[in-house]
């Protein structure tokens, strides 16, 4: 890849990061059982970028978006940054590596499902560690939140973002690959 191609790729990644940040500013839907958890579609451009440019590009965009969101858009500072990096980063690496080697619709579905599952399991584990520190809640209270709140929230958020990504990836990818 020559210098111009690298610059164009970097510019496209920056545009996708900017779209992700605009989405997080415009769309935040509280999760009724726990209003402190909010659905936002900001991961959609990150997942699309991951499929278009690879898992490491997706992880780089995740880092930039997580940093800006956490420290400049009211995203809970260091803890918000860490949780977003772990959440979206685990999704991006799982889905990105599967799709990187098998670029078919069938494997896109497999990659997205794997991303949903890896992200959900990862976030259950990290919520057990971080949420008691962040919210000052006893770990037992967090354990009691796993089945009714943490698990469904992560499945729903990642699932919605995956379905939307599946349907809009190909039309958008045409422009990303030009």
N, C-alpha and C. Protein backbone atom coordinates (compact mmCIF):
# COMPACT_ATOMS: atom_id res chain seq x y z
N UNK A 1 0.86 -1.17 0.00
CA UNK A 1 0.00 0.00 0.00
C UNK A 1 0.90 1.23 0.00
N UNK A 2 0.69 2.10 -0.98
CA UNK A 2 1.53 3.30 -1.05
C UNK A 2 1.02 4.38 -0.09
N UNK A 3 1.77 5.46 -0.04
CA UNK A 3 1.48 6.54 0.91
C UNK A 3 0.09 7.15 0.71
N UNK A 4 -0.30 7.36 -0.54
CA UNK A 4 -1.61 7.93 -0.84
C UNK A 4 -2.73 7.00 -0.39
N UNK A 5 -2.57 5.71 -0.66
CA UNK A 5 -3.59 4.74 -0.24
C UNK A 5 -3.71 4.70 1.28
N UNK A 6 -2.59 4.78 1.97
CA UNK A 6 -2.62 4.80 3.44
C UNK A 6 -3.33 6.05 3.96
N UNK A 7 -3.06 7.17 3.32
CA UNK A 7 -3.69 8.42 3.73
C UNK A 7 -5.19 8.37 3.51
N UNK A 8 -5.60 7.84 2.37
CA UNK A 8 -7.03 7.72 2.06
C UNK A 8 -7.70 6.78 3.06
N UNK A 9 -7.06 5.66 3.35
CA UNK A 9 -7.62 4.71 4.33
C UNK A 9 -7.76 5.38 5.69
N UNK A 10 -6.75 6.09 6.14
CA UNK A 10 -6.78 6.78 7.42
C UNK A 10 -7.90 7.83 7.45
N UNK A 11 -8.08 8.55 6.35
CA UNK A 11 -9.15 9.56 6.27
C UNK A 11 -10.53 8.89 6.36
N UNK A 12 -10.69 7.76 5.69
CA UNK A 12 -11.96 7.04 5.75
C UNK A 12 -12.22 6.51 7.17
N UNK A 13 -11.17 6.04 7.83
CA UNK A 13 -11.32 5.58 9.21
C UNK A 13 -11.71 6.75 10.11
N UNK A 14 -11.13 7.92 9.89
CA UNK A 14 -11.46 9.11 10.68
C UNK A 14 -12.92 9.52 10.46
N UNK A 15 -13.38 9.42 9.23
CA UNK A 15 -14.78 9.74 8.94
C UNK A 15 -15.70 8.78 9.68
N UNK A 16 -15.36 7.49 9.68
CA UNK A 16 -16.20 6.51 10.38
C UNK A 16 -16.18 6.76 11.89
N UNK A 17 -15.04 7.16 12.42
CA UNK A 17 -14.97 7.51 13.85
C UNK A 17 -15.85 8.72 14.14
N UNK A 18 -15.81 9.71 13.26
CA UNK A 18 -16.64 10.91 13.44
C UNK A 18 -18.13 10.55 13.39
N UNK A 19 -18.51 9.67 12.47
CA UNK A 19 -19.91 9.23 12.39
C UNK A 19 -20.30 8.53 13.68
N UNK A 20 -19.42 7.72 14.21
CA UNK A 20 -19.69 7.02 15.46
C UNK A 20 -19.95 8.02 16.59
N UNK A 21 -19.14 9.06 16.66
CA UNK A 21 -19.30 10.08 17.71
C UNK A 21 -20.58 10.88 17.53
N UNK A 22 -20.94 11.17 16.30
CA UNK A 22 -22.21 11.88 16.05
C UNK A 22 -23.37 11.00 16.50
N UNK A 23 -23.30 9.71 16.19
CA UNK A 23 -24.39 8.80 16.59
C UNK A 23 -24.54 8.74 18.10
N UNK A 24 -23.43 8.72 18.82
CA UNK A 24 -23.52 8.65 20.29
C UNK A 24 -24.09 9.95 20.85
N UNK A 25 -23.86 11.05 20.18
CA UNK A 25 -24.43 12.32 20.62
C UNK A 25 -25.92 12.42 20.32
N UNK A 26 -26.35 11.86 19.20
CA UNK A 26 -27.73 11.99 18.76
C UNK A 26 -28.68 10.94 19.31
N UNK A 27 -28.18 9.73 19.52
CA UNK A 27 -29.07 8.62 19.90
C UNK A 27 -28.55 7.94 21.16
N UNK A 28 -29.28 8.13 22.22
CA UNK A 28 -29.00 7.44 23.50
C UNK A 28 -30.34 7.04 24.08
N UNK A 29 -30.56 5.75 24.18
CA UNK A 29 -31.84 5.25 24.67
C UNK A 29 -31.59 4.49 25.98
N UNK A 30 -32.13 4.99 27.08
CA UNK A 30 -31.93 4.29 28.36
C UNK A 30 -32.56 2.89 28.34
N UNK A 31 -31.89 1.96 28.99
CA UNK A 31 -32.37 0.59 29.12
C UNK A 31 -33.30 0.57 30.34
N UNK A 32 -34.62 0.35 30.15
CA UNK A 32 -35.60 0.52 31.23
C UNK A 32 -35.27 -0.15 32.57
N UNK A 33 -34.78 -1.39 32.58
CA UNK A 33 -34.49 -1.96 33.91
C UNK A 33 -33.34 -1.27 34.64
N UNK A 34 -32.47 -0.58 33.89
CA UNK A 34 -31.33 0.10 34.50
C UNK A 34 -31.00 1.33 33.65
N UNK A 35 -31.66 2.47 33.94
CA UNK A 35 -31.50 3.66 33.11
C UNK A 35 -30.06 4.19 33.01
N UNK A 36 -29.17 3.75 33.89
CA UNK A 36 -27.78 4.17 33.78
C UNK A 36 -27.09 3.47 32.60
N UNK A 37 -27.70 2.42 32.08
CA UNK A 37 -27.22 1.77 30.86
C UNK A 37 -27.98 2.35 29.68
N UNK A 38 -27.26 2.73 28.64
CA UNK A 38 -27.91 3.35 27.48
C UNK A 38 -27.48 2.65 26.20
N UNK A 39 -28.48 2.38 25.35
CA UNK A 39 -28.17 1.89 24.01
C UNK A 39 -27.78 3.09 23.15
N UNK A 40 -26.73 2.92 22.37
CA UNK A 40 -26.40 3.88 21.32
C UNK A 40 -25.85 3.09 20.14
N UNK A 41 -26.05 3.61 18.93
CA UNK A 41 -25.61 2.89 17.74
C UNK A 41 -24.17 3.21 17.32
N UNK A 42 -23.38 3.76 18.22
CA UNK A 42 -22.03 4.22 17.87
C UNK A 42 -21.11 3.09 17.42
N UNK A 43 -21.41 1.86 17.80
CA UNK A 43 -20.55 0.74 17.39
C UNK A 43 -20.77 0.34 15.93
N UNK A 44 -21.86 0.75 15.33
CA UNK A 44 -22.15 0.34 13.95
C UNK A 44 -21.05 0.81 12.99
N UNK A 45 -20.67 2.09 12.97
CA UNK A 45 -19.58 2.49 12.06
C UNK A 45 -18.25 1.80 12.41
N UNK A 46 -18.06 1.48 13.67
CA UNK A 46 -16.83 0.79 14.08
C UNK A 46 -16.82 -0.63 13.52
N UNK A 47 -17.94 -1.32 13.60
CA UNK A 47 -18.03 -2.69 13.07
C UNK A 47 -17.89 -2.66 11.55
N UNK A 48 -18.54 -1.71 10.91
CA UNK A 48 -18.41 -1.58 9.45
C UNK A 48 -16.94 -1.35 9.08
N UNK A 49 -16.27 -0.49 9.81
CA UNK A 49 -14.85 -0.24 9.55
C UNK A 49 -14.01 -1.48 9.77
N UNK A 50 -14.36 -2.25 10.78
CA UNK A 50 -13.65 -3.49 11.07
C UNK A 50 -13.78 -4.45 9.90
N UNK A 51 -14.97 -4.60 9.37
CA UNK A 51 -15.18 -5.48 8.23
C UNK A 51 -14.46 -4.95 6.98
N UNK A 52 -14.44 -3.65 6.81
CA UNK A 52 -13.83 -3.05 5.62
C UNK A 52 -12.30 -3.02 5.69
N UNK A 53 -11.75 -2.72 6.86
CA UNK A 53 -10.31 -2.48 6.98
C UNK A 53 -9.57 -3.48 7.86
N UNK A 54 -10.29 -4.34 8.56
CA UNK A 54 -9.64 -5.34 9.40
C UNK A 54 -9.80 -5.05 10.89
N UNK A 55 -9.51 -6.07 11.70
CA UNK A 55 -9.73 -5.94 13.15
C UNK A 55 -8.84 -4.90 13.83
N UNK A 56 -7.61 -4.72 13.36
CA UNK A 56 -6.73 -3.75 14.02
C UNK A 56 -7.18 -2.32 13.72
N UNK A 57 -7.69 -2.10 12.53
CA UNK A 57 -8.24 -0.79 12.20
C UNK A 57 -9.48 -0.53 13.06
N UNK A 58 -10.32 -1.55 13.21
CA UNK A 58 -11.50 -1.42 14.07
C UNK A 58 -11.13 -1.12 15.51
N UNK A 59 -10.07 -1.77 15.98
CA UNK A 59 -9.62 -1.53 17.35
C UNK A 59 -9.06 -0.11 17.50
N UNK A 60 -8.36 0.36 16.49
CA UNK A 60 -7.83 1.75 16.52
C UNK A 60 -8.97 2.75 16.57
N UNK A 61 -10.00 2.53 15.76
CA UNK A 61 -11.16 3.43 15.78
C UNK A 61 -11.86 3.35 17.13
N UNK A 62 -11.96 2.14 17.67
CA UNK A 62 -12.57 1.97 19.00
C UNK A 62 -11.82 2.79 20.03
N UNK A 63 -10.49 2.78 19.97
CA UNK A 63 -9.68 3.54 20.91
C UNK A 63 -9.98 5.03 20.81
N UNK A 64 -9.97 5.56 19.60
CA UNK A 64 -10.21 6.99 19.39
C UNK A 64 -11.61 7.38 19.86
N UNK A 65 -12.60 6.61 19.43
CA UNK A 65 -13.99 6.91 19.81
C UNK A 65 -14.18 6.79 21.32
N UNK A 66 -13.64 5.74 21.92
CA UNK A 66 -13.76 5.54 23.37
C UNK A 66 -13.13 6.69 24.14
N UNK A 67 -11.97 7.13 23.68
CA UNK A 67 -11.26 8.22 24.36
C UNK A 67 -12.07 9.52 24.29
N UNK A 68 -12.50 9.87 23.10
CA UNK A 68 -13.26 11.12 22.93
C UNK A 68 -14.57 11.06 23.69
N UNK A 69 -15.25 9.94 23.58
CA UNK A 69 -16.53 9.78 24.28
C UNK A 69 -16.35 9.87 25.79
N UNK A 70 -15.34 9.20 26.31
CA UNK A 70 -15.14 9.14 27.76
C UNK A 70 -14.70 10.46 28.37
N UNK A 71 -13.85 11.20 27.66
CA UNK A 71 -13.26 12.39 28.26
C UNK A 71 -13.82 13.72 27.76
N UNK A 72 -14.56 13.68 26.66
CA UNK A 72 -15.07 14.94 26.11
C UNK A 72 -16.58 14.96 25.90
N UNK A 73 -17.23 13.80 25.96
CA UNK A 73 -18.67 13.74 25.71
C UNK A 73 -19.45 13.18 26.90
N UNK A 74 -18.90 13.29 28.08
CA UNK A 74 -19.60 12.85 29.28
C UNK A 74 -19.70 11.35 29.45
N UNK A 75 -18.65 10.64 29.07
CA UNK A 75 -18.69 9.18 29.12
C UNK A 75 -18.01 8.55 30.31
N UNK A 76 -18.03 9.16 31.48
CA UNK A 76 -17.53 8.58 32.73
C UNK A 76 -16.02 8.38 32.80
N UNK A 77 -15.26 9.19 32.13
CA UNK A 77 -13.80 9.21 32.29
C UNK A 77 -13.12 7.89 32.07
N UNK A 78 -12.17 7.60 32.93
CA UNK A 78 -11.32 6.41 32.79
C UNK A 78 -12.15 5.14 32.76
N UNK A 79 -13.14 5.04 33.65
CA UNK A 79 -13.96 3.82 33.70
C UNK A 79 -14.79 3.68 32.43
N UNK A 80 -15.36 4.77 31.95
CA UNK A 80 -16.12 4.72 30.70
C UNK A 80 -15.23 4.34 29.53
N UNK A 81 -14.02 4.92 29.50
CA UNK A 81 -13.07 4.58 28.44
C UNK A 81 -12.74 3.09 28.48
N UNK A 82 -12.38 2.60 29.65
CA UNK A 82 -12.00 1.20 29.79
C UNK A 82 -13.14 0.26 29.38
N UNK A 83 -14.33 0.53 29.89
CA UNK A 83 -15.47 -0.36 29.61
C UNK A 83 -15.84 -0.33 28.12
N UNK A 84 -15.78 0.83 27.49
CA UNK A 84 -16.08 0.89 26.06
C UNK A 84 -15.01 0.19 25.24
N UNK A 85 -13.75 0.37 25.62
CA UNK A 85 -12.65 -0.32 24.93
C UNK A 85 -12.82 -1.83 25.03
N UNK A 86 -13.10 -2.31 26.23
CA UNK A 86 -13.24 -3.75 26.44
C UNK A 86 -14.47 -4.28 25.70
N UNK A 87 -15.57 -3.57 25.81
CA UNK A 87 -16.82 -4.00 25.19
C UNK A 87 -16.70 -4.04 23.67
N UNK A 88 -16.47 -2.90 23.06
CA UNK A 88 -16.40 -2.82 21.61
C UNK A 88 -15.15 -3.51 21.09
N UNK A 89 -14.05 -3.39 21.82
CA UNK A 89 -12.81 -4.04 21.40
C UNK A 89 -12.93 -5.55 21.32
N UNK A 90 -13.60 -6.16 22.28
CA UNK A 90 -13.77 -7.62 22.23
C UNK A 90 -14.64 -8.02 21.05
N UNK A 91 -15.69 -7.23 20.79
CA UNK A 91 -16.56 -7.49 19.65
C UNK A 91 -15.77 -7.39 18.35
N UNK A 92 -15.04 -6.29 18.20
CA UNK A 92 -14.29 -6.00 16.99
C UNK A 92 -13.24 -7.09 16.70
N UNK A 93 -12.52 -7.51 17.71
CA UNK A 93 -11.49 -8.53 17.48
C UNK A 93 -12.11 -9.87 17.10
N UNK A 94 -13.16 -10.27 17.80
CA UNK A 94 -13.79 -11.56 17.50
C UNK A 94 -14.41 -11.55 16.09
N UNK A 95 -15.26 -10.57 15.84
CA UNK A 95 -15.94 -10.50 14.54
C UNK A 95 -14.96 -10.19 13.42
N UNK A 96 -14.03 -9.29 13.69
CA UNK A 96 -13.08 -8.87 12.66
C UNK A 96 -12.20 -9.99 12.17
N UNK A 97 -11.69 -10.81 13.07
CA UNK A 97 -10.82 -11.90 12.65
C UNK A 97 -11.59 -12.98 11.88
N UNK A 98 -12.79 -13.26 12.29
CA UNK A 98 -13.58 -14.25 11.55
C UNK A 98 -13.91 -13.75 10.14
N UNK A 99 -14.33 -12.50 10.03
CA UNK A 99 -14.71 -11.97 8.73
C UNK A 99 -13.49 -11.74 7.82
N UNK A 100 -12.36 -11.42 8.41
CA UNK A 100 -11.15 -11.14 7.64
C UNK A 100 -10.77 -12.30 6.73
N UNK A 101 -10.97 -13.51 7.20
CA UNK A 101 -10.55 -14.69 6.45
C UNK A 101 -11.68 -15.36 5.66
N UNK A 102 -12.91 -14.92 5.88
CA UNK A 102 -14.07 -15.51 5.19
C UNK A 102 -15.06 -14.41 4.86
N UNK A 103 -14.86 -13.71 3.77
CA UNK A 103 -15.70 -12.55 3.44
C UNK A 103 -16.92 -12.95 2.62
N UNK A 104 -17.83 -13.67 3.27
CA UNK A 104 -19.10 -14.05 2.65
C UNK A 104 -20.23 -13.62 3.57
N UNK A 105 -21.45 -13.62 3.05
CA UNK A 105 -22.60 -13.26 3.90
C UNK A 105 -22.74 -14.24 5.06
N UNK A 106 -22.56 -15.52 4.77
CA UNK A 106 -22.68 -16.54 5.81
C UNK A 106 -21.67 -16.27 6.94
N UNK A 107 -20.43 -15.98 6.56
CA UNK A 107 -19.41 -15.73 7.57
C UNK A 107 -19.59 -14.38 8.25
N UNK A 108 -20.22 -13.44 7.56
CA UNK A 108 -20.53 -12.16 8.22
C UNK A 108 -21.50 -12.42 9.37
N UNK A 109 -22.50 -13.28 9.12
CA UNK A 109 -23.46 -13.63 10.18
C UNK A 109 -22.74 -14.35 11.32
N UNK A 110 -21.90 -15.31 10.98
CA UNK A 110 -21.14 -16.04 12.00
C UNK A 110 -20.26 -15.07 12.79
N UNK A 111 -19.58 -14.17 12.10
CA UNK A 111 -18.69 -13.20 12.76
C UNK A 111 -19.48 -12.28 13.69
N UNK A 112 -20.62 -11.80 13.23
CA UNK A 112 -21.44 -10.91 14.06
C UNK A 112 -21.97 -11.64 15.29
N UNK A 113 -22.43 -12.87 15.11
CA UNK A 113 -22.91 -13.65 16.27
C UNK A 113 -21.77 -13.89 17.25
N UNK A 114 -20.59 -14.24 16.73
CA UNK A 114 -19.43 -14.44 17.61
C UNK A 114 -19.10 -13.14 18.36
N UNK A 115 -19.16 -12.02 17.66
CA UNK A 115 -18.90 -10.73 18.30
C UNK A 115 -19.88 -10.45 19.42
N UNK A 116 -21.17 -10.71 19.16
CA UNK A 116 -22.21 -10.52 20.19
C UNK A 116 -21.90 -11.38 21.41
N UNK A 117 -21.60 -12.64 21.19
CA UNK A 117 -21.36 -13.56 22.31
C UNK A 117 -20.09 -13.22 23.08
N UNK A 118 -19.01 -12.92 22.36
CA UNK A 118 -17.76 -12.57 23.04
C UNK A 118 -17.92 -11.28 23.84
N UNK A 119 -18.56 -10.29 23.25
CA UNK A 119 -18.78 -9.03 23.95
C UNK A 119 -19.64 -9.24 25.21
N UNK A 120 -20.69 -10.01 25.08
CA UNK A 120 -21.60 -10.24 26.21
C UNK A 120 -20.89 -10.95 27.35
N UNK A 121 -20.17 -12.01 27.05
CA UNK A 121 -19.45 -12.76 28.09
C UNK A 121 -18.38 -11.87 28.73
N UNK A 122 -17.66 -11.13 27.88
CA UNK A 122 -16.62 -10.23 28.38
C UNK A 122 -17.21 -9.19 29.32
N UNK A 123 -18.33 -8.61 28.94
CA UNK A 123 -18.91 -7.55 29.75
C UNK A 123 -19.53 -8.08 31.05
N UNK A 124 -20.03 -9.28 31.04
CA UNK A 124 -20.51 -9.87 32.30
C UNK A 124 -19.33 -9.95 33.27
N UNK A 125 -18.21 -10.46 32.79
CA UNK A 125 -17.03 -10.57 33.65
C UNK A 125 -16.52 -9.24 34.14
N UNK A 126 -16.38 -8.28 33.24
CA UNK A 126 -15.84 -6.98 33.65
C UNK A 126 -16.82 -6.19 34.51
N UNK A 127 -18.12 -6.38 34.31
CA UNK A 127 -19.08 -5.72 35.19
C UNK A 127 -18.97 -6.25 36.61
N UNK A 128 -18.62 -7.50 36.77
CA UNK A 128 -18.42 -8.05 38.12
C UNK A 128 -17.23 -7.40 38.81
N UNK A 129 -16.25 -6.98 38.04
CA UNK A 129 -15.06 -6.36 38.61
C UNK A 129 -15.23 -4.84 38.76
N UNK A 130 -15.69 -4.17 37.70
CA UNK A 130 -15.69 -2.70 37.65
C UNK A 130 -16.93 -2.07 38.30
N UNK A 131 -18.11 -2.63 38.08
CA UNK A 131 -19.33 -2.00 38.58
C UNK A 131 -19.34 -1.80 40.09
N UNK A 132 -18.88 -2.77 40.89
CA UNK A 132 -18.84 -2.49 42.34
C UNK A 132 -17.94 -1.30 42.69
N UNK A 133 -16.86 -1.15 41.96
CA UNK A 133 -15.96 -0.02 42.22
C UNK A 133 -16.59 1.29 41.76
N UNK A 134 -17.19 1.29 40.57
CA UNK A 134 -17.74 2.49 39.97
C UNK A 134 -18.99 2.97 40.69
N UNK A 135 -19.89 2.04 41.01
CA UNK A 135 -21.17 2.41 41.61
C UNK A 135 -21.16 2.29 43.13
N UNK A 136 -20.09 1.74 43.67
CA UNK A 136 -20.04 1.56 45.12
C UNK A 136 -21.03 0.51 45.61
N UNK A 137 -21.42 -0.38 44.72
CA UNK A 137 -22.41 -1.41 45.07
C UNK A 137 -21.67 -2.68 45.48
N UNK A 138 -22.26 -3.44 46.39
CA UNK A 138 -21.63 -4.71 46.74
C UNK A 138 -21.64 -5.67 45.54
N UNK A 139 -20.64 -6.50 45.45
CA UNK A 139 -20.53 -7.45 44.34
C UNK A 139 -21.77 -8.33 44.24
N UNK A 140 -22.37 -8.66 45.38
CA UNK A 140 -23.59 -9.50 45.38
C UNK A 140 -24.72 -8.81 44.61
N UNK A 141 -24.79 -7.49 44.73
CA UNK A 141 -25.82 -6.73 44.00
C UNK A 141 -25.56 -6.80 42.50
N UNK A 142 -24.30 -6.76 42.11
CA UNK A 142 -23.95 -6.86 40.69
C UNK A 142 -24.25 -8.27 40.19
N UNK A 143 -23.92 -9.28 40.98
CA UNK A 143 -24.24 -10.66 40.60
C UNK A 143 -25.75 -10.80 40.39
N UNK A 144 -26.54 -10.18 41.24
CA UNK A 144 -28.00 -10.25 41.11
C UNK A 144 -28.48 -9.52 39.85
N UNK A 145 -27.67 -8.60 39.31
CA UNK A 145 -28.05 -7.86 38.10
C UNK A 145 -27.68 -8.59 36.80
N UNK A 146 -26.90 -9.65 36.89
CA UNK A 146 -26.40 -10.30 35.66
C UNK A 146 -27.54 -10.77 34.77
N UNK A 147 -28.40 -11.65 35.27
CA UNK A 147 -29.47 -12.20 34.42
C UNK A 147 -30.56 -11.20 34.04
N UNK A 148 -31.03 -10.38 34.96
CA UNK A 148 -32.12 -9.49 34.54
C UNK A 148 -31.66 -8.21 33.83
N UNK A 149 -30.38 -7.81 33.97
CA UNK A 149 -29.97 -6.51 33.44
C UNK A 149 -28.74 -6.59 32.54
N UNK A 150 -27.61 -7.02 33.06
CA UNK A 150 -26.34 -6.96 32.33
C UNK A 150 -26.35 -7.84 31.08
N UNK A 151 -26.78 -9.08 31.24
CA UNK A 151 -26.82 -10.01 30.10
C UNK A 151 -27.78 -9.54 29.01
N UNK A 152 -29.04 -9.22 29.34
CA UNK A 152 -29.94 -8.77 28.28
C UNK A 152 -29.50 -7.46 27.62
N UNK A 153 -28.97 -6.53 28.41
CA UNK A 153 -28.53 -5.26 27.83
C UNK A 153 -27.44 -5.49 26.79
N UNK A 154 -26.42 -6.25 27.13
CA UNK A 154 -25.32 -6.48 26.20
C UNK A 154 -25.75 -7.28 24.98
N UNK A 155 -26.60 -8.28 25.18
CA UNK A 155 -27.12 -9.04 24.04
C UNK A 155 -27.94 -8.13 23.12
N UNK A 156 -28.78 -7.29 23.72
CA UNK A 156 -29.64 -6.40 22.94
C UNK A 156 -28.81 -5.36 22.19
N UNK A 157 -27.90 -4.70 22.88
CA UNK A 157 -27.08 -3.66 22.25
C UNK A 157 -26.26 -4.23 21.10
N UNK A 158 -25.52 -5.29 21.38
CA UNK A 158 -24.68 -5.88 20.34
C UNK A 158 -25.52 -6.51 19.23
N UNK A 159 -26.65 -7.09 19.60
CA UNK A 159 -27.53 -7.71 18.61
C UNK A 159 -28.13 -6.69 17.65
N UNK A 160 -28.65 -5.60 18.19
CA UNK A 160 -29.23 -4.54 17.34
C UNK A 160 -28.15 -3.97 16.42
N UNK A 161 -26.99 -3.66 16.97
CA UNK A 161 -25.91 -3.10 16.16
C UNK A 161 -25.46 -4.09 15.07
N UNK A 162 -25.47 -5.37 15.38
CA UNK A 162 -25.08 -6.39 14.40
C UNK A 162 -26.09 -6.50 13.27
N UNK A 163 -27.36 -6.50 13.60
CA UNK A 163 -28.40 -6.61 12.57
C UNK A 163 -28.33 -5.40 11.63
N UNK A 164 -28.22 -4.22 12.21
CA UNK A 164 -28.12 -3.02 11.38
C UNK A 164 -26.87 -3.07 10.50
N UNK A 165 -25.74 -3.46 11.10
CA UNK A 165 -24.49 -3.58 10.34
C UNK A 165 -24.65 -4.54 9.17
N UNK A 166 -25.28 -5.68 9.42
CA UNK A 166 -25.45 -6.69 8.38
C UNK A 166 -26.18 -6.11 7.17
N UNK A 167 -27.20 -5.32 7.42
CA UNK A 167 -28.01 -4.80 6.32
C UNK A 167 -27.41 -3.58 5.61
N UNK A 168 -26.56 -2.84 6.30
CA UNK A 168 -26.03 -1.63 5.64
C UNK A 168 -24.56 -1.75 5.25
N UNK A 169 -23.88 -2.82 5.63
CA UNK A 169 -22.45 -2.94 5.36
C UNK A 169 -22.12 -2.87 3.87
N UNK A 170 -22.74 -3.70 3.06
CA UNK A 170 -22.38 -3.79 1.64
C UNK A 170 -22.52 -2.46 0.91
N UNK A 171 -23.64 -1.74 1.05
CA UNK A 171 -23.72 -0.44 0.36
C UNK A 171 -22.65 0.56 0.83
N UNK A 172 -22.35 0.57 2.10
CA UNK A 172 -21.35 1.49 2.62
C UNK A 172 -19.94 1.05 2.23
N UNK A 173 -19.72 -0.26 2.23
CA UNK A 173 -18.39 -0.79 1.89
C UNK A 173 -17.98 -0.42 0.48
N UNK A 174 -18.94 -0.26 -0.42
CA UNK A 174 -18.63 0.14 -1.79
C UNK A 174 -17.84 1.45 -1.78
N UNK A 175 -18.24 2.37 -0.92
CA UNK A 175 -17.58 3.67 -0.85
C UNK A 175 -16.26 3.59 -0.09
N UNK A 176 -16.21 2.71 0.90
CA UNK A 176 -14.98 2.59 1.68
C UNK A 176 -13.86 1.93 0.88
N UNK A 177 -14.23 1.09 -0.08
CA UNK A 177 -13.23 0.37 -0.87
C UNK A 177 -12.85 1.09 -2.17
N UNK A 178 -13.48 2.23 -2.46
CA UNK A 178 -13.13 2.98 -3.68
C UNK A 178 -11.81 3.69 -3.50
